[in-house]
């Protein structure tokens, strides 16, 4: 199957299309000569950051994916928790890429001790599953409860602190379990503080598309 048209689902609601398109622009860095379109879930002002927001988002993801699948060749769910990805793979006639699974795939290239930074007290289930053969060191930064906190000075200071904790515990790589950290470019934020590679889940999704 030729993949020419790629659809991207953002799980954070916004009327700012330029903001929504940031993830497809990141993926374009590693995927050339494709046609892209991004759509966002409705009524998800804080994205997905707990069981409640996940439950609210899933039917919207399924609805959007089903309605859109006839017009695209591949679908990316740009959320590191990979909400609905397995179900979409079983029900849609096109490939479905999850940012979380992609992040894990790329992180494992750098070692088996993997630091993971995310929004919830526990790592997303996809990280536990995909990194089951690794030593996972998970941290939720202290002042980060939802994607908006990543933009704050306190949130960014906590992200740096959490990454350094992972490094001190032996992490060989930092995997970002939140695509909001891709939007803010947490890899650049961490670069002055650690020499560890930092895996941007959105760029990782692009790398997996390029390899498919």
C-alpha atoms as a PDB file:
ATOM      1  CA  UNK A   1       0.000   0.000   0.000  1.00  0.00           C
ATOM      2  CA  UNK A   2       1.338   3.412  -0.975  1.00  0.00           C
ATOM      3  CA  UNK A   3       1.241   5.955   1.837  1.00  0.00           C
ATOM      4  CA  UNK A   4       0.792   9.458   0.488  1.00  0.00           C
ATOM      5  CA  UNK A   5      -1.852  11.029   2.749  1.00  0.00           C
ATOM      6  CA  UNK A   6      -1.238  11.091   6.488  1.00  0.00           C
ATOM      7  CA  UNK A   7      -3.801  12.145   9.081  1.00  0.00           C
ATOM      8  CA  UNK A   8      -2.797  13.257  12.575  1.00  0.00           C
ATOM      9  CA  UNK A   9      -5.169  13.247  15.554  1.00  0.00           C
ATOM     10  CA  UNK A  10      -4.341  15.741  18.295  1.00  0.00           C
ATOM     11  CA  UNK A  11      -6.064  14.971  21.604  1.00  0.00           C
ATOM     12  CA  UNK A  12      -5.873  18.548  22.878  1.00  0.00           C
ATOM     13  CA  UNK A  13      -8.673  20.779  21.618  1.00  0.00           C
ATOM     14  CA  UNK A  14      -7.708  24.071  19.995  1.00  0.00           C
ATOM     15  CA  UNK A  15      -9.039  26.494  17.407  1.00  0.00           C
ATOM     16  CA  UNK A  16      -5.474  27.450  16.493  1.00  0.00           C
ATOM     17  CA  UNK A  17      -4.679  25.319  13.450  1.00  0.00           C
ATOM     18  CA  UNK A  18      -1.047  26.456  13.389  1.00  0.00           C
ATOM     19  CA  UNK A  19      -0.663  25.126  16.937  1.00  0.00           C
ATOM     20  CA  UNK A  20      -2.346  21.853  16.009  1.00  0.00           C
ATOM     21  CA  UNK A  21      -0.141  21.480  12.938  1.00  0.00           C
ATOM     22  CA  UNK A  22       3.033  21.642  15.030  1.00  0.00           C
ATOM     23  CA  UNK A  23       3.127  17.872  15.374  1.00  0.00           C
ATOM     24  CA  UNK A  24       2.826  17.219  11.660  1.00  0.00           C
ATOM     25  CA  UNK A  25       5.571  19.789  11.095  1.00  0.00           C
ATOM     26  CA  UNK A  26       7.814  17.856  13.495  1.00  0.00           C
ATOM     27  CA  UNK A  27       7.127  14.608  11.669  1.00  0.00           C
ATOM     28  CA  UNK A  28       7.909  16.266   8.343  1.00  0.00           C
ATOM     29  CA  UNK A  29      11.494  16.544   9.586  1.00  0.00           C
ATOM     30  CA  UNK A  30      11.879  12.795   9.027  1.00  0.00           C
ATOM     31  CA  UNK A  31       9.057  12.000   6.571  1.00  0.00           C
ATOM     32  CA  UNK A  32       9.275  13.677   3.175  1.00  0.00           C
ATOM     33  CA  UNK A  33       6.915  14.068   0.222  1.00  0.00           C
ATOM     34  CA  UNK A  34       3.619  13.346   1.978  1.00  0.00           C
ATOM     35  CA  UNK A  35       0.357  15.210   2.242  1.00  0.00           C
ATOM     36  CA  UNK A  36      -0.577  15.968   5.846  1.00  0.00           C
ATOM     37  CA  UNK A  37      -3.722  17.009   7.672  1.00  0.00           C
ATOM     38  CA  UNK A  38      -4.275  17.415  11.407  1.00  0.00           C
ATOM     39  CA  UNK A  39      -7.586  17.276  13.243  1.00  0.00           C
ATOM     40  CA  UNK A  40      -8.215  17.763  16.953  1.00  0.00           C
ATOM     41  CA  UNK A  41     -10.672  16.191  19.350  1.00  0.00           C
ATOM     42  CA  UNK A  42     -13.453  18.445  20.512  1.00  0.00           C
ATOM     43  CA  UNK A  43     -14.149  19.352  24.140  1.00  0.00           C
ATOM     44  CA  UNK A  44     -10.745  18.163  25.404  1.00  0.00           C
ATOM     45  CA  UNK A  45      -9.312  21.476  26.671  1.00  0.00           C
ATOM     46  CA  UNK A  46      -6.721  19.697  28.839  1.00  0.00           C
ATOM     47  CA  UNK A  47      -6.010  16.800  26.503  1.00  0.00           C
ATOM     48  CA  UNK A  48      -5.651  13.362  28.097  1.00  0.00           C
ATOM     49  CA  UNK A  49      -3.961  13.215  31.494  1.00  0.00           C
ATOM     50  CA  UNK A  50      -6.000  10.792  33.639  1.00  0.00           C
ATOM     51  CA  UNK A  51      -8.659   8.077  33.474  1.00  0.00           C
ATOM     52  CA  UNK A  52     -11.504  10.588  33.251  1.00  0.00           C
ATOM     53  CA  UNK A  53     -10.086  12.498  30.293  1.00  0.00           C
ATOM     54  CA  UNK A  54      -9.128   9.211  28.630  1.00  0.00           C
ATOM     55  CA  UNK A  55     -12.702   7.916  28.932  1.00  0.00           C
ATOM     56  CA  UNK A  56     -13.994  11.173  27.458  1.00  0.00           C
ATOM     57  CA  UNK A  57     -11.546  11.030  24.562  1.00  0.00           C
ATOM     58  CA  UNK A  58     -11.809   7.416  23.411  1.00  0.00           C
ATOM     59  CA  UNK A  59     -15.220   7.573  21.673  1.00  0.00           C
ATOM     60  CA  UNK A  60     -14.147  10.769  19.916  1.00  0.00           C
ATOM     61  CA  UNK A  61     -10.933   9.120  18.704  1.00  0.00           C
ATOM     62  CA  UNK A  62     -12.870   6.140  17.368  1.00  0.00           C
ATOM     63  CA  UNK A  63     -15.430   8.386  15.672  1.00  0.00           C
ATOM     64  CA  UNK A  64     -12.841  10.643  14.079  1.00  0.00           C
ATOM     65  CA  UNK A  65     -10.657   7.749  12.952  1.00  0.00           C
ATOM     66  CA  UNK A  66     -13.591   5.891  11.411  1.00  0.00           C
ATOM     67  CA  UNK A  67     -14.959   8.914   9.558  1.00  0.00           C
ATOM     68  CA  UNK A  68     -11.521   9.949   8.300  1.00  0.00           C
ATOM     69  CA  UNK A  69     -10.039   6.608   7.267  1.00  0.00           C
ATOM     70  CA  UNK A  70     -11.425   6.662   3.722  1.00  0.00           C
ATOM     71  CA  UNK A  71      -9.548   9.877   2.947  1.00  0.00           C
ATOM     72  CA  UNK A  72      -6.083   9.037   4.322  1.00  0.00           C
ATOM     73  CA  UNK A  73      -3.522   6.265   3.915  1.00  0.00           C
ATOM     74  CA  UNK A  74      -2.145   6.263   7.472  1.00  0.00           C
ATOM     75  CA  UNK A  75      -3.362   7.622  10.803  1.00  0.00           C
ATOM     76  CA  UNK A  76      -1.195   8.933  13.637  1.00  0.00           C
ATOM     77  CA  UNK A  77      -2.647   9.263  17.130  1.00  0.00           C
ATOM     78  CA  UNK A  78      -0.397  11.960  18.520  1.00  0.00           C
ATOM     79  CA  UNK A  79      -0.694  11.090  22.183  1.00  0.00           C
ATOM     80  CA  UNK A  80       1.978   9.142  24.047  1.00  0.00           C
ATOM     81  CA  UNK A  81      -0.623   7.036  25.872  1.00  0.00           C
ATOM     82  CA  UNK A  82      -1.680   5.624  22.467  1.00  0.00           C
ATOM     83  CA  UNK A  83      -5.400   5.943  23.315  1.00  0.00           C
ATOM     84  CA  UNK A  84      -7.514   3.723  21.088  1.00  0.00           C
ATOM     85  CA  UNK A  85      -4.609   2.707  18.869  1.00  0.00           C
ATOM     86  CA  UNK A  86      -5.050  -1.049  19.260  1.00  0.00           C
ATOM     87  CA  UNK A  87      -8.783  -0.848  18.586  1.00  0.00           C
ATOM     88  CA  UNK A  88      -8.261   1.403  15.555  1.00  0.00           C
ATOM     89  CA  UNK A  89      -5.738  -1.076  14.152  1.00  0.00           C
ATOM     90  CA  UNK A  90      -8.319  -3.822  14.422  1.00  0.00           C
ATOM     91  CA  UNK A  91     -11.138  -1.822  12.857  1.00  0.00           C
ATOM     92  CA  UNK A  92      -9.613   0.487  10.235  1.00  0.00           C
ATOM     93  CA  UNK A  93      -8.320  -0.597   6.822  1.00  0.00           C
ATOM     94  CA  UNK A  94      -5.221   1.636   7.124  1.00  0.00           C
ATOM     95  CA  UNK A  95      -2.079   1.537   9.293  1.00  0.00           C
ATOM     96  CA  UNK A  96      -2.298   3.321  12.652  1.00  0.00           C
ATOM     97  CA  UNK A  97       0.791   4.720  14.390  1.00  0.00           C
ATOM     98  CA  UNK A  98       0.861   5.600  18.089  1.00  0.00           C
ATOM     99  CA  UNK A  99       3.320   8.148  19.439  1.00  0.00           C
ATOM    100  CA  UNK A 100       3.859   6.141  22.635  1.00  0.00           C
ATOM    101  CA  UNK A 101       4.790   2.878  20.965  1.00  0.00           C
ATOM    102  CA  UNK A 102       7.002   4.802  18.545  1.00  0.00           C
ATOM    103  CA  UNK A 103       8.771   6.541  21.424  1.00  0.00           C
ATOM    104  CA  UNK A 104       9.524   3.206  23.074  1.00  0.00           C
ATOM    105  CA  UNK A 105      10.799   1.693  19.820  1.00  0.00           C
ATOM    106  CA  UNK A 106      13.276   4.520  19.312  1.00  0.00           C
ATOM    107  CA  UNK A 107      14.301   4.705  22.985  1.00  0.00           C
ATOM    108  CA  UNK A 108      15.347   1.047  22.983  1.00  0.00           C
ATOM    109  CA  UNK A 109      17.992   1.838  20.388  1.00  0.00           C
ATOM    110  CA  UNK A 110      19.964   3.608  23.113  1.00  0.00           C
ATOM    111  CA  UNK A 111      19.935   1.028  25.883  1.00  0.00           C
ATOM    112  CA  UNK A 112      17.837  -0.993  28.270  1.00  0.00           C
ATOM    113  CA  UNK A 113      17.776   1.440  31.204  1.00  0.00           C
ATOM    114  CA  UNK A 114      15.127   3.909  30.061  1.00  0.00           C
ATOM    115  CA  UNK A 115      14.015   6.989  31.932  1.00  0.00           C
ATOM    116  CA  UNK A 116      10.434   8.004  31.193  1.00  0.00           C
ATOM    117  CA  UNK A 117       8.799  11.349  32.010  1.00  0.00           C
ATOM    118  CA  UNK A 118       5.004  11.633  31.952  1.00  0.00           C
ATOM    119  CA  UNK A 119       1.911  13.384  33.265  1.00  0.00           C
ATOM    120  CA  UNK A 120       0.461  10.718  35.553  1.00  0.00           C
ATOM    121  CA  UNK A 121       1.655   8.912  38.696  1.00  0.00           C
ATOM    122  CA  UNK A 122       2.336   5.781  36.631  1.00  0.00           C
ATOM    123  CA  UNK A 123       3.736   5.422  33.141  1.00  0.00           C
ATOM    124  CA  UNK A 124       1.202   4.924  30.338  1.00  0.00           C
ATOM    125  CA  UNK A 125       0.365   1.255  29.861  1.00  0.00           C
ATOM    126  CA  UNK A 126       1.944   1.211  26.406  1.00  0.00           C
ATOM    127  CA  UNK A 127       5.316   2.080  27.967  1.00  0.00           C
ATOM    128  CA  UNK A 128       5.039  -0.744  30.495  1.00  0.00           C
ATOM    129  CA  UNK A 129       4.152  -3.134  27.676  1.00  0.00           C
ATOM    130  CA  UNK A 130       6.706  -2.029  25.097  1.00  0.00           C
ATOM    131  CA  UNK A 131       9.518  -1.678  27.640  1.00  0.00           C
ATOM    132  CA  UNK A 132       8.764  -4.887  29.522  1.00  0.00           C
ATOM    133  CA  UNK A 133      12.205  -6.219  28.586  1.00  0.00           C
ATOM    134  CA  UNK A 134      13.916  -3.060  29.854  1.00  0.00           C
ATOM    135  CA  UNK A 135      14.511  -1.374  33.186  1.00  0.00           C
ATOM    136  CA  UNK A 136      11.984   1.472  33.227  1.00  0.00           C
ATOM    137  CA  UNK A 137      12.695   4.450  35.508  1.00  0.00           C
ATOM    138  CA  UNK A 138       9.532   6.550  35.623  1.00  0.00           C
ATOM    139  CA  UNK A 139       9.039  10.047  36.982  1.00  0.00           C
ATOM    140  CA  UNK A 140       6.107  12.440  36.948  1.00  0.00           C
ATOM    141  CA  UNK A 141       7.615  15.928  37.356  1.00  0.00           C
ATOM    142  CA  UNK A 142       6.357  17.453  40.596  1.00  0.00           C
ATOM    143  CA  UNK A 143       4.550  20.463  39.131  1.00  0.00           C
ATOM    144  CA  UNK A 144       3.233  18.806  35.984  1.00  0.00           C
ATOM    145  CA  UNK A 145      -0.350  17.516  36.136  1.00  0.00           C
ATOM    146  CA  UNK A 146      -1.554  18.231  32.603  1.00  0.00           C
ATOM    147  CA  UNK A 147      -0.108  19.408  29.302  1.00  0.00           C
ATOM    148  CA  UNK A 148      -0.548  23.106  30.130  1.00  0.00           C
ATOM    149  CA  UNK A 149       1.832  22.782  33.104  1.00  0.00           C
ATOM    150  CA  UNK A 150       4.697  21.971  30.723  1.00  0.00           C
ATOM    151  CA  UNK A 151       4.631  25.590  29.571  1.00  0.00           C
ATOM    152  CA  UNK A 152       5.148  27.045  33.059  1.00  0.00           C
ATOM    153  CA  UNK A 153       8.515  27.875  34.666  1.00  0.00           C
ATOM    154  CA  UNK A 154       7.708  25.605  37.633  1.00  0.00           C
ATOM    155  CA  UNK A 155       6.740  22.771  35.313  1.00  0.00           C
ATOM    156  CA  UNK A 156       9.887  23.101  33.233  1.00  0.00           C
ATOM    157  CA  UNK A 157      12.101  23.224  36.321  1.00  0.00           C
ATOM    158  CA  UNK A 158      10.412  20.049  37.555  1.00  0.00           C
ATOM    159  CA  UNK A 159      10.979  18.341  34.206  1.00  0.00           C
ATOM    160  CA  UNK A 160      14.700  19.083  34.434  1.00  0.00           C
ATOM    161  CA  UNK A 161      14.767  17.803  38.016  1.00  0.00           C
ATOM    162  CA  UNK A 162      12.944  14.586  37.060  1.00  0.00           C
ATOM    163  CA  UNK A 163      15.246  13.902  34.113  1.00  0.00           C
ATOM    164  CA  UNK A 164      18.314  14.314  36.326  1.00  0.00           C
ATOM    165  CA  UNK A 165      16.790  11.903  38.856  1.00  0.00           C
ATOM    166  CA  UNK A 166      16.374   9.339  36.076  1.00  0.00           C
ATOM    167  CA  UNK A 167      19.983   9.872  34.995  1.00  0.00           C
ATOM    168  CA  UNK A 168      21.225   9.469  38.572  1.00  0.00           C
ATOM    169  CA  UNK A 169      19.361   6.150  38.750  1.00  0.00           C
ATOM    170  CA  UNK A 170      21.174   4.848  35.685  1.00  0.00           C
ATOM    171  CA  UNK A 171      18.978   5.848  32.756  1.00  0.00           C
ATOM    172  CA  UNK A 172      20.758   5.698  29.410  1.00  0.00           C
ATOM    173  CA  UNK A 173      18.048   7.605  27.554  1.00  0.00           C
ATOM    174  CA  UNK A 174      15.033   9.781  28.421  1.00  0.00           C
ATOM    175  CA  UNK A 175      11.721   8.960  26.717  1.00  0.00           C
ATOM    176  CA  UNK A 176       8.992  11.600  26.855  1.00  0.00           C
ATOM    177  CA  UNK A 177       5.619  10.015  27.637  1.00  0.00           C
ATOM    178  CA  UNK A 178       3.657  13.120  26.652  1.00  0.00           C
ATOM    179  CA  UNK A 179       3.398  14.670  23.206  1.00  0.00           C
ATOM    180  CA  UNK A 180       2.905  18.054  24.863  1.00  0.00           C
ATOM    181  CA  UNK A 181       6.580  17.770  25.753  1.00  0.00           C
ATOM    182  CA  UNK A 182       7.233  17.575  22.015  1.00  0.00           C
ATOM    183  CA  UNK A 183       5.359  20.816  21.422  1.00  0.00           C
ATOM    184  CA  UNK A 184       7.434  22.635  24.058  1.00  0.00           C
ATOM    185  CA  UNK A 185      10.629  20.898  22.842  1.00  0.00           C
ATOM    186  CA  UNK A 186      11.644  19.392  26.145  1.00  0.00           C
ATOM    187  CA  UNK A 187      14.639  17.821  24.418  1.00  0.00           C
ATOM    188  CA  UNK A 188      16.055  21.323  23.883  1.00  0.00           C
ATOM    189  CA  UNK A 189      15.089  22.272  27.445  1.00  0.00           C
ATOM    190  CA  UNK A 190      17.081  19.345  28.824  1.00  0.00           C
ATOM    191  CA  UNK A 191      20.086  19.647  26.504  1.00  0.00           C
ATOM    192  CA  UNK A 192      22.084  22.038  28.750  1.00  0.00           C
ATOM    193  CA  UNK A 193      21.530  19.770  31.755  1.00  0.00           C
ATOM    194  CA  UNK A 194      22.140  16.221  30.518  1.00  0.00           C
ATOM    195  CA  UNK A 195      24.040  14.503  27.735  1.00  0.00           C
ATOM    196  CA  UNK A 196      21.478  11.702  27.553  1.00  0.00           C
ATOM    197  CA  UNK A 197      19.513  11.357  24.318  1.00  0.00           C
ATOM    198  CA  UNK A 198      15.921  12.589  24.760  1.00  0.00           C
ATOM    199  CA  UNK A 199      13.271  10.910  22.616  1.00  0.00           C
ATOM    200  CA  UNK A 200      10.577  13.200  21.276  1.00  0.00           C
ATOM    201  CA  UNK A 201       7.501  10.964  20.797  1.00  0.00           C
ATOM    202  CA  UNK A 202       6.206  12.924  17.813  1.00  0.00           C
ATOM    203  CA  UNK A 203       9.480  12.772  15.911  1.00  0.00           C
ATOM    204  CA  UNK A 204       9.685   9.094  16.909  1.00  0.00           C
ATOM    205  CA  UNK A 205       6.297   8.549  15.261  1.00  0.00           C
ATOM    206  CA  UNK A 206       7.663  10.154  12.122  1.00  0.00           C
ATOM    207  CA  UNK A 207      10.692   7.868  12.241  1.00  0.00           C
ATOM    208  CA  UNK A 208       8.402   4.840  12.466  1.00  0.00           C
ATOM    209  CA  UNK A 209       6.372   6.088   9.501  1.00  0.00           C
ATOM    210  CA  UNK A 210       9.588   6.558   7.500  1.00  0.00           C
ATOM    211  CA  UNK A 211      10.671   3.014   8.370  1.00  0.00           C
ATOM    212  CA  UNK A 212       7.318   1.445   7.430  1.00  0.00           C
END
